[in-house]
Each structure stands twice: as C-alpha cells, then as structure tokens.
Amino acid sequence: MMDFLSYGCIGLGIFFWFWGTYPLLGQRSVLFKLHTLSVSDTLGSMSITVGLLFQIPSEWPLILLALICLAIWNTILGYVLAYCSIGEETHD
C-alpha cells in the first residue's frame, strides 16, 4: 500500500511539472506564465518529496526540511521574478 501511495505521489508530481510547462507555449502574459509555472513546480516538487517520504520514512526530518524549503524558496523566487519583470515593463 505504501508503494502505491509513493508512486502515486511521484506520478502526480511529474504530472504537475508537465502541466505547468504547457502554458509556456501560449500567448499569455509573462506574469501569467510565471505564476502557472511556479505554482505547478512547487506542487509537483512537494508531491514528489511526499512520495519519497513514503519510500524512506526513517528520513522524515530531512524530507520535512526539504518540504519547508520548497514552499518558502519557490514562493519567494516567484515573487522576486515577478517584481523584476514588472520593473522591466515599467522602464521600457
């Protein structure tokens, strides 16, 4: 049962990764593309990390730290990139 949950989480994470890259091909704004990519990348990475937690439960402190870092740093990086892209649009 744990293997099924683990592989399900890892598969869901890979799905989120591909789902987030699909809008990059569209004609939407850069900020929409950035938002979609950062949200799906964060969800995908966290889902894969939870899948690894099911595979290696003895390493839960390290995996929990990885989950926290993913949530914080991906969010902060998305805001920084959005701020920089808005700054470039106003200067042109």
Protein backbone atom coordinates (compact mmCIF):
# COMPACT_ATOMS: atom_id res chain seq x y z
CA MET A 1 0.00 0.00 0.00
CA MET A 2 2.84 2.41 0.81
CA ASP A 3 4.44 1.74 -2.57
CA PHE A 4 1.15 2.56 -4.29
CA LEU A 5 0.86 5.87 -2.39
CA SER A 6 4.51 6.68 -3.05
CA TYR A 7 4.33 6.03 -6.78
CA GLY A 8 1.01 7.86 -6.95
CA CYS A 9 2.52 10.97 -5.34
CA ILE A 10 5.58 10.83 -7.58
CA GLY A 11 3.38 10.39 -10.67
CA LEU A 12 1.18 13.30 -9.58
CA GLY A 13 4.27 15.44 -9.12
CA ILE A 14 5.52 14.66 -12.61
CA PHE A 15 2.05 15.45 -13.96
CA PHE A 16 2.14 18.87 -12.24
CA TRP A 17 5.58 19.56 -13.71
CA PHE A 18 4.35 18.92 -17.26
CA TRP A 19 1.04 20.67 -16.62
CA GLY A 20 2.91 23.83 -15.59
CA THR A 21 5.15 23.90 -18.64
CA TYR A 22 2.25 23.64 -21.11
CA PRO A 23 1.11 27.31 -20.72
CA LEU A 24 4.62 28.47 -21.66
CA LEU A 25 3.69 27.74 -25.28
CA GLY A 26 0.68 30.08 -25.22
CA GLN A 27 0.35 33.78 -25.96
CA ARG A 28 -0.49 34.89 -22.41
CA SER A 29 1.49 37.44 -20.43
CA VAL A 30 4.83 36.69 -18.85
CA LEU A 31 3.38 37.04 -15.35
CA PHE A 32 0.62 34.50 -16.08
CA LYS A 33 3.21 32.06 -17.40
CA LEU A 34 5.45 32.66 -14.38
CA HIS A 35 2.58 32.16 -11.94
CA THR A 36 1.42 28.94 -13.57
CA LEU A 37 4.94 27.56 -13.75
CA SER A 38 5.87 28.44 -10.17
CA VAL A 39 2.66 27.05 -8.65
CA SER A 40 2.78 23.80 -10.58
CA ASP A 41 6.52 23.41 -9.97
CA THR A 42 6.04 23.88 -6.24
CA LEU A 43 3.12 21.44 -6.08
CA GLY A 44 4.95 18.91 -8.24
CA SER A 45 8.15 19.08 -6.26
CA MET A 46 6.32 18.83 -2.95
CA SER A 47 4.28 15.87 -4.19
CA ILE A 48 7.44 14.06 -5.30
CA THR A 49 9.02 14.81 -1.92
CA VAL A 50 5.99 13.36 -0.10
CA GLY A 51 6.31 10.29 -2.32
CA LEU A 52 9.92 9.98 -1.19
CA LEU A 53 8.75 10.30 2.41
CA PHE A 54 6.56 7.22 1.89
CA GLN A 55 9.55 5.36 0.46
CA ILE A 56 12.05 6.39 3.16
CA PRO A 57 10.09 7.14 6.36
CA SER A 58 13.23 6.95 8.51
CA GLU A 59 14.47 10.19 6.89
CA TRP A 60 11.39 12.24 7.80
CA PRO A 61 13.27 15.17 9.43
CA LEU A 62 15.35 15.79 6.31
CA ILE A 63 12.37 15.36 3.99
CA LEU A 64 10.25 17.68 6.14
CA LEU A 65 13.02 20.29 5.93
CA ALA A 66 13.05 19.86 2.15
CA LEU A 67 9.26 20.40 2.02
CA ILE A 68 9.51 23.58 4.08
CA CYS A 69 12.38 24.90 1.96
CA LEU A 70 10.47 24.15 -1.25
CA ALA A 71 7.41 26.00 -0.02
CA ILE A 72 9.35 29.04 1.12
CA TRP A 73 12.02 29.40 -1.57
CA ASN A 74 9.81 28.66 -4.58
CA THR A 75 7.31 31.24 -3.36
CA ILE A 76 9.97 33.87 -2.69
CA LEU A 77 11.67 33.22 -6.03
CA GLY A 78 8.34 33.62 -7.85
CA TYR A 79 7.75 36.98 -6.19
CA VAL A 80 11.28 38.17 -6.98
CA LEU A 81 11.00 37.18 -10.63
CA ALA A 82 7.58 38.82 -10.91
CA TYR A 83 8.89 42.01 -9.33
CA CYS A 84 11.84 42.07 -11.71
CA SER A 85 9.64 41.52 -14.77
CA ILE A 86 7.26 44.29 -13.68
CA GLY A 87 10.23 46.59 -13.18
CA GLU A 88 11.43 45.91 -16.72
CA GLU A 89 7.99 46.61 -18.19
CA THR A 90 7.70 49.99 -16.47
CA HIS A 91 11.16 51.12 -17.56
CA ASP A 92 10.55 50.50 -21.28
